PDB file of all heavy atoms in Angstrom:
ATOM      1  N   ALA A   1     -19.658   3.728   2.089  1.00  0.00           N
ATOM      2  CA  ALA A   1     -19.766   2.375   1.500  1.00  0.00           C
ATOM      3  C   ALA A   1     -20.024   1.216   2.638  1.00  0.00           C
ATOM      4  O   ALA A   1     -19.795   1.430   3.761  1.00  0.00           O
ATOM      5  CB  ALA A   1     -18.475   2.016   0.736  1.00  0.00           C
ATOM      6  N   ASP A   2     -20.434   0.161   2.124  1.00  0.00           N
ATOM      7  CA  ASP A   2     -20.563  -1.103   2.992  1.00  0.00           C
ATOM      8  C   ASP A   2     -19.389  -2.014   2.795  1.00  0.00           C
ATOM      9  O   ASP A   2     -18.995  -2.787   3.798  1.00  0.00           O
ATOM     10  CB  ASP A   2     -21.904  -1.832   2.612  1.00  0.00           C
ATOM     11  CG  ASP A   2     -23.163  -1.002   2.912  1.00  0.00           C
ATOM     12  OD1 ASP A   2     -23.492  -0.794   4.046  1.00  0.00           O
ATOM     13  OD2 ASP A   2     -23.706  -0.447   1.855  1.00  0.00           O
ATOM     14  N   VAL A   3     -18.860  -2.054   1.542  1.00  0.00           N
ATOM     15  CA  VAL A   3     -17.876  -2.974   1.325  1.00  0.00           C
ATOM     16  C   VAL A   3     -16.713  -2.307   0.498  1.00  0.00           C
ATOM     17  O   VAL A   3     -16.975  -1.400  -0.393  1.00  0.00           O
ATOM     18  CB  VAL A   3     -18.464  -4.097   0.489  1.00  0.00           C
ATOM     19  CG1 VAL A   3     -17.289  -5.152  -0.023  1.00  0.00           C
ATOM     20  CG2 VAL A   3     -19.444  -4.948   1.164  1.00  0.00           C
ATOM     21  N   PHE A   4     -15.517  -2.656   0.842  1.00  0.00           N
ATOM     22  CA  PHE A   4     -14.313  -2.206  -0.058  1.00  0.00           C
ATOM     23  C   PHE A   4     -13.609  -3.484  -0.400  1.00  0.00           C
ATOM     24  O   PHE A   4     -13.307  -4.359   0.473  1.00  0.00           O
ATOM     25  CB  PHE A   4     -13.431  -1.290   0.840  1.00  0.00           C
ATOM     26  CG  PHE A   4     -12.137  -0.904   0.004  1.00  0.00           C
ATOM     27  CD1 PHE A   4     -12.116   0.316  -0.745  1.00  0.00           C
ATOM     28  CD2 PHE A   4     -11.036  -1.611   0.120  1.00  0.00           C
ATOM     29  CE1 PHE A   4     -11.061   0.708  -1.509  1.00  0.00           C
ATOM     30  CE2 PHE A   4      -9.832  -1.198  -0.526  1.00  0.00           C
ATOM     31  CZ  PHE A   4      -9.904  -0.116  -1.344  1.00  0.00           C
ATOM     32  N   VAL A   5     -13.381  -3.681  -1.708  1.00  0.00           N
ATOM     33  CA  VAL A   5     -12.692  -4.821  -2.129  1.00  0.00           C
ATOM     34  C   VAL A   5     -11.457  -4.582  -3.137  1.00  0.00           C
ATOM     35  O   VAL A   5     -11.688  -3.696  -3.981  1.00  0.00           O
ATOM     36  CB  VAL A   5     -13.714  -5.790  -2.853  1.00  0.00           C
ATOM     37  CG1 VAL A   5     -14.455  -5.197  -4.014  1.00  0.00           C
ATOM     38  CG2 VAL A   5     -13.103  -7.137  -3.247  1.00  0.00           C
ATOM     39  N   HIS A   6     -10.388  -5.187  -2.980  1.00  0.00           N
ATOM     40  CA  HIS A   6      -9.318  -5.086  -3.857  1.00  0.00           C
ATOM     41  C   HIS A   6      -8.543  -6.402  -3.966  1.00  0.00           C
ATOM     42  O   HIS A   6      -8.822  -7.321  -3.228  1.00  0.00           O
ATOM     43  CB  HIS A   6      -8.395  -3.935  -3.404  1.00  0.00           C
ATOM     44  CG  HIS A   6      -7.375  -4.452  -2.245  1.00  0.00           C
ATOM     45  ND1 HIS A   6      -6.311  -5.172  -2.433  1.00  0.00           N
ATOM     46  CD2 HIS A   6      -7.519  -4.206  -0.916  1.00  0.00           C
ATOM     47  CE1 HIS A   6      -5.700  -5.352  -1.278  1.00  0.00           C
ATOM     48  NE2 HIS A   6      -6.436  -4.824  -0.330  1.00  0.00           N
ATOM     49  N   ASN A   7      -7.723  -6.468  -5.093  1.00  0.00           N
ATOM     50  CA  ASN A   7      -6.924  -7.763  -5.346  1.00  0.00           C
ATOM     51  C   ASN A   7      -5.495  -7.235  -5.582  1.00  0.00           C
ATOM     52  O   ASN A   7      -4.705  -8.025  -6.428  1.00  0.00           O
ATOM     53  CB  ASN A   7      -7.418  -8.708  -6.312  1.00  0.00           C
ATOM     54  CG  ASN A   7      -7.642  -7.969  -7.762  1.00  0.00           C
ATOM     55  OD1 ASN A   7      -7.760  -6.914  -7.819  1.00  0.00           O
ATOM     56  ND2 ASN A   7      -7.508  -8.827  -8.762  1.00  0.00           N
ATOM     57  N   MET A   8      -5.133  -6.239  -4.951  1.00  0.00           N
ATOM     58  CA  MET A   8      -3.642  -5.761  -5.044  1.00  0.00           C
ATOM     59  C   MET A   8      -2.825  -6.707  -4.079  1.00  0.00           C
ATOM     60  O   MET A   8      -3.261  -7.326  -3.212  1.00  0.00           O
ATOM     61  CB  MET A   8      -3.533  -4.336  -4.582  1.00  0.00           C
ATOM     62  CG  MET A   8      -4.052  -3.369  -5.549  1.00  0.00           C
ATOM     63  SD  MET A   8      -3.978  -1.633  -4.968  1.00  0.00           S
ATOM     64  CE  MET A   8      -5.437  -1.585  -3.810  1.00  0.00           C
ATOM     65  N   ARG A   9      -1.480  -6.602  -4.389  1.00  0.00           N
ATOM     66  CA  ARG A   9      -0.626  -7.251  -3.358  1.00  0.00           C
ATOM     67  C   ARG A   9      -0.724  -6.336  -2.046  1.00  0.00           C
ATOM     68  O   ARG A   9      -1.060  -5.237  -2.056  1.00  0.00           O
ATOM     69  CB  ARG A   9       0.835  -7.077  -3.826  1.00  0.00           C
ATOM     70  CG  ARG A   9       1.108  -8.073  -4.839  1.00  0.00           C
ATOM     71  CD  ARG A   9       2.610  -8.271  -5.005  1.00  0.00           C
ATOM     72  NE  ARG A   9       3.103  -7.871  -6.316  1.00  0.00           N
ATOM     73  CZ  ARG A   9       4.385  -7.866  -6.754  1.00  0.00           C
ATOM     74  NH1 ARG A   9       5.275  -8.251  -5.823  1.00  0.00           N
ATOM     75  NH2 ARG A   9       4.712  -7.653  -7.939  1.00  0.00           N
ATOM     76  N   LEU A  10      -0.697  -7.064  -0.960  1.00  0.00           N
ATOM     77  CA  LEU A  10      -1.022  -6.368   0.290  1.00  0.00           C
ATOM     78  C   LEU A  10      -0.068  -5.200   0.601  1.00  0.00           C
ATOM     79  O   LEU A  10      -0.562  -4.195   1.127  1.00  0.00           O
ATOM     80  CB  LEU A  10      -0.922  -7.412   1.440  1.00  0.00           C
ATOM     81  CG  LEU A  10      -1.786  -8.671   1.276  1.00  0.00           C
ATOM     82  CD1 LEU A  10      -1.641  -9.525   2.614  1.00  0.00           C
ATOM     83  CD2 LEU A  10      -3.290  -8.138   1.162  1.00  0.00           C
ATOM     84  N   GLY A  11       1.226  -5.284   0.349  1.00  0.00           N
ATOM     85  CA  GLY A  11       2.131  -4.222   0.525  1.00  0.00           C
ATOM     86  C   GLY A  11       1.833  -2.922  -0.431  1.00  0.00           C
ATOM     87  O   GLY A  11       1.830  -1.856   0.076  1.00  0.00           O
ATOM     88  N   ALA A  12       1.344  -3.255  -1.668  1.00  0.00           N
ATOM     89  CA  ALA A  12       1.013  -2.150  -2.420  1.00  0.00           C
ATOM     90  C   ALA A  12      -0.290  -1.398  -1.954  1.00  0.00           C
ATOM     91  O   ALA A  12      -0.279  -0.191  -1.941  1.00  0.00           O
ATOM     92  CB  ALA A  12       0.556  -2.704  -3.837  1.00  0.00           C
ATOM     93  N   ALA A  13      -1.270  -2.167  -1.337  1.00  0.00           N
ATOM     94  CA  ALA A  13      -2.431  -1.476  -0.786  1.00  0.00           C
ATOM     95  C   ALA A  13      -1.961  -0.585   0.381  1.00  0.00           C
ATOM     96  O   ALA A  13      -2.493   0.535   0.604  1.00  0.00           O
ATOM     97  CB  ALA A  13      -3.373  -2.506  -0.322  1.00  0.00           C
ATOM     98  N   GLN A  14      -1.073  -1.046   1.161  1.00  0.00           N
ATOM     99  CA  GLN A  14      -0.568  -0.274   2.308  1.00  0.00           C
ATOM    100  C   GLN A  14       0.128   0.932   1.868  1.00  0.00           C
ATOM    101  O   GLN A  14      -0.059   2.115   2.441  1.00  0.00           O
ATOM    102  CB  GLN A  14       0.452  -1.117   3.180  1.00  0.00           C
ATOM    103  CG  GLN A  14      -0.378  -2.318   3.932  1.00  0.00           C
ATOM    104  CD  GLN A  14      -1.152  -1.811   5.047  1.00  0.00           C
ATOM    105  OE1 GLN A  14      -1.124  -0.710   5.413  1.00  0.00           O
ATOM    106  NE2 GLN A  14      -2.034  -2.675   5.619  1.00  0.00           N
ATOM    107  N   ARG A  15       0.950   0.803   0.799  1.00  0.00           N
ATOM    108  CA  ARG A  15       1.735   2.015   0.244  1.00  0.00           C
ATOM    109  C   ARG A  15       0.669   3.105  -0.219  1.00  0.00           C
ATOM    110  O   ARG A  15       1.085   4.216  -0.195  1.00  0.00           O
ATOM    111  CB  ARG A  15       2.733   1.565  -0.710  1.00  0.00           C
ATOM    112  CG  ARG A  15       3.841   0.840  -0.093  1.00  0.00           C
ATOM    113  CD  ARG A  15       4.977   0.606  -1.101  1.00  0.00           C
ATOM    114  NE  ARG A  15       4.576  -0.303  -2.261  1.00  0.00           N
ATOM    115  CZ  ARG A  15       4.680  -1.536  -2.253  1.00  0.00           C
ATOM    116  NH1 ARG A  15       5.174  -2.212  -1.090  1.00  0.00           N
ATOM    117  NH2 ARG A  15       4.417  -2.350  -3.216  1.00  0.00           N
ATOM    118  N   LEU A  16      -0.383   2.646  -0.752  1.00  0.00           N
ATOM    119  CA  LEU A  16      -1.394   3.557  -1.386  1.00  0.00           C
ATOM    120  C   LEU A  16      -2.344   4.240  -0.248  1.00  0.00           C
ATOM    121  O   LEU A  16      -3.073   4.973  -0.568  1.00  0.00           O
ATOM    122  CB  LEU A  16      -2.203   2.878  -2.427  1.00  0.00           C
ATOM    123  CG  LEU A  16      -1.716   2.737  -3.802  1.00  0.00           C
ATOM    124  CD1 LEU A  16      -2.530   1.816  -4.692  1.00  0.00           C
ATOM    125  CD2 LEU A  16      -1.420   4.119  -4.426  1.00  0.00           C
ATOM    126  N   GLY A  17      -2.127   3.789   1.014  1.00  0.00           N
ATOM    127  CA  GLY A  17      -2.981   4.201   2.066  1.00  0.00           C
ATOM    128  C   GLY A  17      -4.320   3.461   1.927  1.00  0.00           C
ATOM    129  O   GLY A  17      -5.284   4.108   2.488  1.00  0.00           O
ATOM    130  N   LEU A  18      -4.345   2.300   1.583  1.00  0.00           N
ATOM    131  CA  LEU A  18      -5.687   1.599   1.436  1.00  0.00           C
ATOM    132  C   LEU A  18      -5.742   0.327   2.210  1.00  0.00           C
ATOM    133  O   LEU A  18      -6.390  -0.660   1.959  1.00  0.00           O
ATOM    134  CB  LEU A  18      -5.834   1.239  -0.074  1.00  0.00           C
ATOM    135  CG  LEU A  18      -5.966   2.424  -1.040  1.00  0.00           C
ATOM    136  CD1 LEU A  18      -6.188   1.919  -2.493  1.00  0.00           C
ATOM    137  CD2 LEU A  18      -7.034   3.424  -0.594  1.00  0.00           C
ATOM    138  N   GLY A  19      -4.824   0.336   3.260  1.00  0.00           N
ATOM    139  CA  GLY A  19      -4.891  -0.854   4.306  1.00  0.00           C
ATOM    140  C   GLY A  19      -6.211  -0.803   5.081  1.00  0.00           C
ATOM    141  O   GLY A  19      -6.855   0.193   5.202  1.00  0.00           O
ATOM    142  N   TYR A  20      -6.458  -1.926   5.658  1.00  0.00           N
ATOM    143  CA  TYR A  20      -7.701  -2.066   6.590  1.00  0.00           C
ATOM    144  C   TYR A  20      -7.673  -1.083   7.717  1.00  0.00           C
ATOM    145  O   TYR A  20      -8.663  -0.398   7.933  1.00  0.00           O
ATOM    146  CB  TYR A  20      -7.774  -3.499   7.154  1.00  0.00           C
ATOM    147  CG  TYR A  20      -8.989  -3.663   8.074  1.00  0.00           C
ATOM    148  CD1 TYR A  20     -10.276  -3.478   7.683  1.00  0.00           C
ATOM    149  CD2 TYR A  20      -8.664  -3.921   9.494  1.00  0.00           C
ATOM    150  CE1 TYR A  20     -11.386  -3.611   8.513  1.00  0.00           C
ATOM    151  CE2 TYR A  20      -9.816  -4.107  10.297  1.00  0.00           C
ATOM    152  CZ  TYR A  20     -11.072  -3.853   9.876  1.00  0.00           C
ATOM    153  OH  TYR A  20     -12.159  -3.961  10.803  1.00  0.00           O
ATOM    154  N   GLU A  21      -6.582  -0.864   8.301  1.00  0.00           N
ATOM    155  CA  GLU A  21      -6.527   0.019   9.475  1.00  0.00           C
ATOM    156  C   GLU A  21      -6.909   1.451   9.069  1.00  0.00           C
ATOM    157  O   GLU A  21      -7.672   2.162   9.794  1.00  0.00           O
ATOM    158  CB  GLU A  21      -5.150  -0.051  10.107  1.00  0.00           C
ATOM    159  CG  GLU A  21      -4.767  -1.336  10.750  1.00  0.00           C
ATOM    160  CD  GLU A  21      -4.293  -2.307   9.675  1.00  0.00           C
ATOM    161  OE1 GLU A  21      -4.187  -1.999   8.483  1.00  0.00           O
ATOM    162  OE2 GLU A  21      -4.188  -3.577  10.130  1.00  0.00           O
ATOM    163  N   THR A  22      -6.369   1.869   7.956  1.00  0.00           N
ATOM    164  CA  THR A  22      -6.673   3.248   7.400  1.00  0.00           C
ATOM    165  C   THR A  22      -8.168   3.356   7.053  1.00  0.00           C
ATOM    166  O   THR A  22      -8.884   4.391   7.451  1.00  0.00           O
ATOM    167  CB  THR A  22      -5.844   3.576   6.267  1.00  0.00           C
ATOM    168  OG1 THR A  22      -4.389   3.470   6.590  1.00  0.00           O
ATOM    169  CG2 THR A  22      -6.116   4.879   5.622  1.00  0.00           C
ATOM    170  N   LEU A  23      -8.726   2.487   6.309  1.00  0.00           N
ATOM    171  CA  LEU A  23     -10.050   2.531   5.806  1.00  0.00           C
ATOM    172  C   LEU A  23     -11.054   2.303   6.971  1.00  0.00           C
ATOM    173  O   LEU A  23     -12.139   2.985   6.960  1.00  0.00           O
ATOM    174  CB  LEU A  23     -10.297   1.781   4.631  1.00  0.00           C
ATOM    175  CG  LEU A  23      -9.473   1.959   3.390  1.00  0.00           C
ATOM    176  CD1 LEU A  23     -10.017   1.150   2.223  1.00  0.00           C
ATOM    177  CD2 LEU A  23      -9.365   3.429   3.117  1.00  0.00           C
ATOM    178  N   SER A  24     -10.741   1.416   7.864  1.00  0.00           N
ATOM    179  CA  SER A  24     -11.707   1.228   8.975  1.00  0.00           C
ATOM    180  C   SER A  24     -11.828   2.320   9.854  1.00  0.00           C
ATOM    181  O   SER A  24     -12.908   2.579  10.685  1.00  0.00           O
ATOM    182  CB  SER A  24     -11.437  -0.037   9.673  1.00  0.00           C
ATOM    183  OG  SER A  24     -10.104  -0.016  10.353  1.00  0.00           O
ATOM    184  N   GLU A  25     -10.728   3.244   9.976  1.00  0.00           N
ATOM    185  CA  GLU A  25     -10.908   4.387  10.813  1.00  0.00           C
ATOM    186  C   GLU A  25     -11.986   5.365  10.342  1.00  0.00           C
ATOM    187  O   GLU A  25     -12.692   6.069  10.981  1.00  0.00           O
ATOM    188  CB  GLU A  25      -9.496   5.093  10.895  1.00  0.00           C
ATOM    189  CG  GLU A  25      -8.567   4.383  11.858  1.00  0.00           C
ATOM    190  CD  GLU A  25      -7.229   5.155  11.962  1.00  0.00           C
ATOM    191  OE1 GLU A  25      -7.132   6.271  11.344  1.00  0.00           O
ATOM    192  OE2 GLU A  25      -6.267   4.656  12.484  1.00  0.00           O
ATOM    193  N   ARG A  26     -11.986   5.405   8.835  1.00  0.00           N
ATOM    194  CA  ARG A  26     -13.024   6.303   8.254  1.00  0.00           C
ATOM    195  C   ARG A  26     -14.354   5.718   8.294  1.00  0.00           C
ATOM    196  O   ARG A  26     -15.386   6.446   8.280  1.00  0.00           O
ATOM    197  CB  ARG A  26     -12.554   6.425   6.716  1.00  0.00           C
ATOM    198  CG  ARG A  26     -11.165   6.967   6.555  1.00  0.00           C
ATOM    199  CD  ARG A  26     -10.932   8.464   6.926  1.00  0.00           C
ATOM    200  NE  ARG A  26     -11.541   9.408   6.118  1.00  0.00           N
ATOM    201  CZ  ARG A  26     -10.940  10.386   5.470  1.00  0.00           C
ATOM    202  NH1 ARG A  26      -9.616  10.339   5.417  1.00  0.00           N
ATOM    203  NH2 ARG A  26     -11.600  11.264   4.655  1.00  0.00           N
ATOM    204  N   ASN A  27     -14.446   4.336   8.447  1.00  0.00           N
ATOM    205  CA  ASN A  27     -15.626   3.687   8.376  1.00  0.00           C
ATOM    206  C   ASN A  27     -15.698   2.344   9.148  1.00  0.00           C
ATOM    207  O   ASN A  27     -15.371   1.329   8.607  1.00  0.00           O
ATOM    208  CB  ASN A  27     -16.202   3.369   6.942  1.00  0.00           C
ATOM    209  CG  ASN A  27     -17.538   2.748   6.891  1.00  0.00           C
ATOM    210  OD1 ASN A  27     -18.191   2.445   7.942  1.00  0.00           O
ATOM    211  ND2 ASN A  27     -18.060   2.581   5.618  1.00  0.00           N
ATOM    212  N   PRO A  28     -15.895   2.403  10.505  1.00  0.00           N
ATOM    213  CA  PRO A  28     -15.728   1.148  11.256  1.00  0.00           C
ATOM    214  C   PRO A  28     -16.747   0.043  10.885  1.00  0.00           C
ATOM    215  O   PRO A  28     -16.439  -1.027  11.136  1.00  0.00           O
ATOM    216  CB  PRO A  28     -16.129   1.709  12.715  1.00  0.00           C
ATOM    217  CG  PRO A  28     -15.925   3.169  12.673  1.00  0.00           C
ATOM    218  CD  PRO A  28     -16.244   3.579  11.319  1.00  0.00           C
ATOM    219  N   ARG A  29     -17.749   0.362  10.278  1.00  0.00           N
ATOM    220  CA  ARG A  29     -18.720  -0.725   9.786  1.00  0.00           C
ATOM    221  C   ARG A  29     -18.332  -1.287   8.433  1.00  0.00           C
ATOM    222  O   ARG A  29     -19.030  -2.244   7.900  1.00  0.00           O
ATOM    223  CB  ARG A  29     -20.143  -0.055   9.591  1.00  0.00           C
ATOM    224  CG  ARG A  29     -20.794   0.160  10.975  1.00  0.00           C
ATOM    225  CD  ARG A  29     -22.152   0.915  10.772  1.00  0.00           C
ATOM    226  NE  ARG A  29     -22.990   0.278   9.681  1.00  0.00           N
ATOM    227  CZ  ARG A  29     -23.895  -0.771  10.102  1.00  0.00           C
ATOM    228  NH1 ARG A  29     -23.825  -1.325  11.307  1.00  0.00           N
ATOM    229  NH2 ARG A  29     -24.630  -1.286   9.241  1.00  0.00           N
ATOM    230  N   LEU A  30     -17.236  -1.011   7.871  1.00  0.00           N
ATOM    231  CA  LEU A  30     -16.780  -1.399   6.639  1.00  0.00           C
ATOM    232  C   LEU A  30     -16.363  -2.814   6.569  1.00  0.00           C
ATOM    233  O   LEU A  30     -15.742  -3.211   7.425  1.00  0.00           O
ATOM    234  CB  LEU A  30     -15.606  -0.476   6.101  1.00  0.00           C
ATOM    235  CG  LEU A  30     -15.118  -0.709   4.699  1.00  0.00           C
ATOM    236  CD1 LEU A  30     -16.042  -0.287   3.649  1.00  0.00           C
ATOM    237  CD2 LEU A  30     -13.713  -0.049   4.456  1.00  0.00           C
ATOM    238  N   ILE A  31     -16.884  -3.586   5.454  1.00  0.00           N
ATOM    239  CA  ILE A  31     -16.290  -4.894   5.255  1.00  0.00           C
ATOM    240  C   ILE A  31     -15.255  -4.699   4.248  1.00  0.00           C
ATOM    241  O   ILE A  31     -15.497  -4.271   3.031  1.00  0.00           O
ATOM    242  CB  ILE A  31     -17.423  -5.854   4.645  1.00  0.00           C
ATOM    243  CG1 ILE A  31     -18.697  -5.848   5.552  1.00  0.00           C
ATOM    244  CG2 ILE A  31     -16.882  -7.140   4.411  1.00  0.00           C
ATOM    245  CD1 ILE A  31     -18.432  -6.333   6.974  1.00  0.00           C
ATOM    246  N   TYR A  32     -13.991  -4.892   4.659  1.00  0.00           N
ATOM    247  CA  TYR A  32     -12.842  -4.754   3.862  1.00  0.00           C
ATOM    248  C   TYR A  32     -12.334  -6.143   3.442  1.00  0.00           C
ATOM    249  O   TYR A  32     -12.008  -7.052   4.263  1.00  0.00           O
ATOM    250  CB  TYR A  32     -11.718  -4.104   4.614  1.00  0.00           C
ATOM    251  CG  TYR A  32     -10.446  -3.824   4.045  1.00  0.00           C
ATOM    252  CD1 TYR A  32     -10.049  -2.570   3.576  1.00  0.00           C
ATOM    253  CD2 TYR A  32      -9.505  -4.880   3.798  1.00  0.00           C
ATOM    254  CE1 TYR A  32      -8.836  -2.315   3.043  1.00  0.00           C
ATOM    255  CE2 TYR A  32      -8.317  -4.667   3.355  1.00  0.00           C
ATOM    256  CZ  TYR A  32      -7.897  -3.396   2.852  1.00  0.00           C
ATOM    257  OH  TYR A  32      -6.667  -3.184   2.194  1.00  0.00           O
ATOM    258  N   ALA A  33     -12.393  -6.401   2.079  1.00  0.00           N
ATOM    259  CA  ALA A  33     -12.182  -7.716   1.547  1.00  0.00           C
ATOM    260  C   ALA A  33     -11.047  -7.678   0.463  1.00  0.00           C
ATOM    261  O   ALA A  33     -11.006  -6.815  -0.374  1.00  0.00           O
ATOM    262  CB  ALA A  33     -13.470  -8.275   0.861  1.00  0.00           C
ATOM    263  N   CYS A  34     -10.174  -8.518   0.640  1.00  0.00           N
ATOM    264  CA  CYS A  34      -8.966  -8.605  -0.334  1.00  0.00           C
ATOM    265  C   CYS A  34      -8.684 -10.041  -0.600  1.00  0.00           C
ATOM    266  O   CYS A  34      -8.752 -10.991   0.230  1.00  0.00           O
ATOM    267  CB  CYS A  34      -7.777  -7.739   0.094  1.00  0.00           C
ATOM    268  SG  CYS A  34      -7.083  -8.227   1.721  1.00  0.00           S
TER     269      CYS A  34
END
């Protein structure tokens, strides 16, 4: 992907393993937007 976007509470995203640090490791070019 080029973009990942969510509107969860930030803590909920982290608990699901969907924080920026986690996803950017899989794709450093990712635009992570919340």
